[in-house]
Amino acid sequence: MEIITFNTLEEWNAILLKTNNLHSSIILFKHSTRCSISNMAYSRLQRTWKSSLPIYLIDVLKNRDVSNMIAHEFNVQHESPQILVVSGDKCIYTASHSEINFKEIDDALNTIAT
């Protein structure tokens, strides 16, 4: 599993542009390094996620402004930990805290592929 950390809105926009050009989807993990629940979710992600699709990670403590812009862009409430699956210009799946479900993420990605 590849985890790609980004820190700026420019980097995020480049990720979206590249993804749109490749007609693929991305997975975004919003992570708070000070939160035990976020650390647990991140650890579970690292142990469980088997897809070749990279995970884009943003540290919400260091980059709260970027995280808030992403939340606004996709009309989702900012939370941490939080997973967003983005396809094109739409968030097709979002979950936070104990609601993060890797089967549901897989299902959302498979819906796009069909």
Protein backbone atom coordinates (compact mmCIF):
# COMPACT_ATOMS: atom_id res chain seq x y z
CA MET A 1 0.00 0.00 0.00
CA GLU A 2 1.25 3.42 -0.95
CA ILE A 3 0.54 6.39 1.32
CA ILE A 4 1.15 9.82 -0.18
CA THR A 5 1.20 12.75 2.20
CA PHE A 6 0.29 16.22 0.96
CA ASN A 7 0.23 19.57 2.74
CA THR A 8 -1.03 22.32 0.47
CA LEU A 9 -4.09 23.20 -1.54
CA GLU A 10 -1.88 23.34 -4.64
CA GLU A 11 -0.78 19.75 -4.06
CA TRP A 12 -4.41 18.69 -3.55
CA ASN A 13 -5.48 20.40 -6.78
CA ALA A 14 -2.64 18.65 -8.64
CA ILE A 15 -3.78 15.30 -7.22
CA LEU A 16 -7.34 15.94 -8.41
CA LEU A 17 -6.18 17.07 -11.85
CA LYS A 18 -3.99 13.99 -12.30
CA THR A 19 -6.81 11.73 -11.12
CA ASN A 20 -9.33 13.34 -13.48
CA ASN A 21 -6.91 13.03 -16.40
CA LEU A 22 -6.47 9.32 -15.65
CA HIS A 23 -10.23 8.86 -15.06
CA SER A 24 -9.55 7.16 -11.75
CA SER A 25 -10.57 7.56 -8.14
CA ILE A 26 -8.67 8.51 -5.04
CA ILE A 27 -8.89 7.75 -1.37
CA LEU A 28 -8.22 10.55 1.08
CA PHE A 29 -7.51 9.91 4.75
CA LYS A 30 -7.83 12.92 7.05
CA HIS A 31 -5.68 12.20 10.09
CA SER A 32 -5.05 13.86 13.45
CA THR A 33 -1.79 12.70 14.99
CA ARG A 34 -2.98 13.77 18.46
CA CYS A 35 -6.17 11.72 18.38
CA SER A 36 -6.06 8.13 19.63
CA ILE A 37 -9.07 7.19 17.50
CA SER A 38 -7.39 8.62 14.41
CA ASN A 39 -4.17 6.76 15.24
CA MET A 40 -6.15 3.53 15.64
CA ALA A 41 -7.97 4.08 12.31
CA TYR A 42 -4.67 4.85 10.57
CA SER A 43 -3.07 1.71 11.98
CA ARG A 44 -6.08 -0.35 10.90
CA LEU A 45 -5.88 1.19 7.43
CA GLN A 46 -2.22 0.22 7.14
CA ARG A 47 -2.94 -3.35 8.26
CA THR A 48 -6.14 -3.89 6.31
CA TRP A 49 -6.10 -1.98 3.01
CA LYS A 50 -5.04 -4.29 0.18
CA SER A 51 -5.85 -2.21 -2.91
CA SER A 52 -3.12 -0.91 -5.19
CA LEU A 53 -4.89 2.46 -5.13
CA PRO A 54 -2.77 4.90 -3.12
CA ILE A 55 -4.05 6.58 0.00
CA TYR A 56 -3.62 10.36 0.10
CA LEU A 57 -3.07 11.50 3.67
CA ILE A 58 -3.44 14.94 5.15
CA ASP A 59 -2.48 15.83 8.71
CA VAL A 60 -5.43 17.96 9.80
CA LEU A 61 -3.50 19.54 12.67
CA LYS A 62 -0.76 20.92 10.44
CA ASN A 63 -3.05 21.63 7.48
CA ARG A 64 -6.45 22.48 8.93
CA ASP A 65 -7.10 25.15 6.29
CA VAL A 66 -6.57 22.64 3.46
CA SER A 67 -8.70 20.03 5.23
CA ASN A 68 -11.49 22.57 5.69
CA MET A 69 -11.32 23.56 2.00
CA ILE A 70 -11.63 19.91 0.99
CA ALA A 71 -14.63 19.50 3.30
CA HIS A 72 -16.21 22.58 1.76
CA GLU A 73 -15.39 21.46 -1.79
CA PHE A 74 -17.20 18.14 -1.33
CA ASN A 75 -19.88 19.44 1.03
CA VAL A 76 -18.94 17.11 3.87
CA GLN A 77 -18.44 17.93 7.52
CA HIS A 78 -14.78 18.11 8.53
CA GLU A 79 -13.93 15.19 10.79
CA SER A 80 -10.89 13.24 11.80
CA PRO A 81 -10.26 10.47 11.25
CA GLN A 82 -12.17 10.58 8.01
CA ILE A 83 -12.01 8.72 4.70
CA LEU A 84 -13.28 10.21 1.46
CA VAL A 85 -13.44 8.34 -1.83
CA VAL A 86 -13.37 10.86 -4.65
CA SER A 87 -14.23 10.09 -8.25
CA GLY A 88 -14.04 12.95 -10.70
CA ASP A 89 -15.35 15.99 -8.90
CA LYS A 90 -17.62 14.07 -6.51
CA CYS A 91 -17.15 12.46 -3.14
CA ILE A 92 -18.85 9.08 -3.52
CA TYR A 93 -18.13 7.76 -0.02
CA THR A 94 -17.28 9.35 3.28
CA ALA A 95 -17.04 7.94 6.77
CA SER A 96 -15.37 8.90 10.00
CA HIS A 97 -14.27 7.39 13.27
CA SER A 98 -15.63 3.88 13.88
CA GLU A 99 -17.89 4.14 10.82
CA ILE A 100 -14.90 3.68 8.48
CA ASN A 101 -15.58 0.37 6.75
CA PHE A 102 -13.10 -1.05 4.25
CA LYS A 103 -15.71 -3.28 2.59
CA GLU A 104 -17.86 -0.22 1.93
CA ILE A 105 -14.86 1.61 0.48
CA ASP A 106 -14.21 -1.36 -1.80
CA ASP A 107 -17.90 -1.46 -2.78
CA ALA A 108 -17.87 2.27 -3.65
CA LEU A 109 -14.78 1.81 -5.79
CA ASN A 110 -16.30 -1.23 -7.53
CA THR A 111 -19.46 0.74 -8.30
CA ILE A 112 -17.36 3.19 -10.29
CA ALA A 113 -15.52 0.44 -12.15
CA THR A 114 -18.72 -1.12 -13.46
